[in-house]
Amino acid sequence: QVQLVESGGGLVQTGGSLRLSCAASGFTFDSSNMYWYHQAPGKEREWVASINWNGAIRNYAESVQGRFTISRNNAKETLYLQMNDLKLEDTAMYSCEAPGGSRGQGTQVIVSS
């Protein structure tokens, strides 16, 4: 059974940083591409970043390019999202997703001025 558990969200001021984690189990994490999504209040869920199985290929939404970094530790079966220079518009529920559409409950990020 696929299980994804996000953590690391919180309240931060604009310009601050947060590091999100996603602990994975129940599937072959080290051969799976992984994804981060976010959903802001009243908006559609949006893709944020993706990483291939070995971390060699990373892609980002234009809105976070240069500020966010996706990474992974296959030995720990954990996905990360380092978020720097946070903006008000980054406020959202962030969730990780595995191939097949399984996703965690999410972790809330609130950016205040």
Protein backbone atom coordinates (compact mmCIF):
# COMPACT_ATOMS: atom_id res chain seq x y z
CA GLN A 1 0.00 0.00 0.00
CA VAL A 2 1.45 3.32 -1.09
CA GLN A 3 1.90 5.76 1.75
CA LEU A 4 3.18 9.33 1.47
CA VAL A 5 3.53 11.55 4.52
CA GLU A 6 4.46 15.19 4.12
CA SER A 7 5.93 17.40 6.81
CA GLY A 8 7.80 20.65 7.25
CA GLY A 9 5.12 23.19 6.47
CA GLY A 10 4.39 26.17 8.65
CA LEU A 11 4.06 29.91 8.90
CA VAL A 12 6.90 31.99 7.48
CA GLN A 13 7.41 35.60 6.50
CA THR A 14 8.01 36.70 2.93
CA GLY A 15 11.59 36.06 1.92
CA GLY A 16 11.90 33.19 4.35
CA SER A 17 12.61 29.52 3.73
CA LEU A 18 11.07 26.17 4.47
CA ARG A 19 12.08 22.60 3.71
CA LEU A 20 9.31 20.13 3.05
CA SER A 21 9.76 16.39 3.34
CA CYS A 22 7.74 13.49 2.00
CA ALA A 23 8.34 10.08 3.53
CA ALA A 24 7.39 7.32 1.12
CA SER A 25 6.65 3.64 1.57
CA GLY A 26 4.80 0.81 -0.09
CA PHE A 27 6.30 1.12 -3.56
CA THR A 28 9.69 1.11 -5.27
CA PHE A 29 10.63 4.67 -4.42
CA ASP A 30 14.14 4.44 -5.83
CA SER A 31 12.86 3.72 -9.33
CA SER A 32 9.96 6.18 -9.31
CA ASN A 33 9.70 9.71 -10.60
CA MET A 34 8.22 11.94 -7.92
CA TYR A 35 6.26 15.17 -7.89
CA TRP A 36 5.30 18.10 -5.69
CA TYR A 37 1.99 19.87 -6.17
CA HIS A 38 0.29 22.69 -4.34
CA GLN A 39 -3.25 23.95 -4.01
CA ALA A 40 -4.00 27.47 -2.88
CA PRO A 41 -7.36 28.32 -1.33
CA GLY A 42 -10.02 28.58 -4.02
CA LYS A 43 -7.67 27.52 -6.79
CA GLU A 44 -6.91 24.43 -8.81
CA ARG A 45 -4.18 22.05 -7.77
CA GLU A 46 -0.96 22.92 -9.60
CA TRP A 47 2.22 21.06 -10.34
CA VAL A 48 5.27 22.60 -8.65
CA ALA A 49 8.24 20.37 -9.37
CA SER A 50 9.26 16.90 -10.44
CA ILE A 51 12.34 14.74 -10.17
CA ASN A 52 13.30 11.55 -11.94
CA TRP A 53 14.26 8.35 -10.15
CA ASN A 54 17.93 9.19 -9.60
CA GLY A 55 17.66 12.96 -9.26
CA ALA A 56 19.42 13.71 -12.52
CA ILE A 57 16.42 15.41 -14.11
CA ARG A 58 14.48 18.11 -12.27
CA ASN A 59 11.77 20.35 -13.58
CA TYR A 60 9.99 23.31 -12.05
CA ALA A 61 6.97 25.44 -12.62
CA GLU A 62 7.92 28.85 -13.88
CA SER A 63 6.56 30.47 -10.74
CA VAL A 64 9.10 28.70 -8.50
CA GLN A 65 12.08 28.37 -10.85
CA GLY A 66 15.21 29.64 -9.14
CA ARG A 67 13.62 29.67 -5.68
CA PHE A 68 12.62 26.05 -5.04
CA THR A 69 14.79 22.94 -5.23
CA ILE A 70 13.42 19.41 -5.41
CA SER A 71 15.66 16.58 -4.22
CA ARG A 72 15.47 13.04 -2.96
CA ASN A 73 17.27 10.53 -0.79
CA ASN A 74 16.53 7.07 -2.12
CA ALA A 75 18.21 5.34 0.81
CA LYS A 76 15.77 7.11 3.14
CA GLU A 77 12.86 6.91 0.68
CA THR A 78 12.27 10.59 1.18
CA LEU A 79 11.47 13.43 -1.21
CA TYR A 80 12.28 17.05 -0.36
CA LEU A 81 11.33 20.52 -1.47
CA GLN A 82 13.59 23.35 -0.38
CA MET A 83 11.68 26.60 -0.70
CA ASN A 84 13.60 29.86 -0.54
CA ASP A 85 12.59 33.50 -0.98
CA LEU A 86 9.01 32.61 -0.25
CA LYS A 87 6.29 34.90 -1.56
CA LEU A 88 2.72 35.49 -0.47
CA GLU A 89 1.51 33.58 -3.51
CA ASP A 90 3.34 30.46 -2.34
CA THR A 91 0.73 30.04 0.39
CA ALA A 92 -0.90 26.67 -0.29
CA MET A 93 -1.25 23.07 0.76
CA TYR A 94 1.75 21.18 -0.59
CA SER A 95 1.57 17.48 -1.34
CA CYS A 96 3.85 14.92 -2.91
CA GLU A 97 2.68 12.47 -5.51
CA ALA A 98 3.93 9.13 -6.72
CA PRO A 99 3.38 7.55 -10.14
CA GLY A 100 -0.20 6.36 -10.45
CA GLY A 101 -1.58 9.37 -8.66
CA SER A 102 -1.12 8.38 -5.04
CA ARG A 103 -0.64 11.45 -2.88
CA GLY A 104 -0.24 12.34 0.74
CA GLN A 105 -2.44 14.46 2.99
CA GLY A 106 -0.26 17.47 2.44
CA THR A 107 1.47 20.04 4.59
CA GLN A 108 0.28 23.63 4.86
CA VAL A 109 2.56 26.51 3.97
CA ILE A 110 1.48 30.01 4.94
CA VAL A 111 3.55 33.00 3.89
CA SER A 112 2.80 36.28 5.62
CA SER A 113 4.04 39.81 5.05
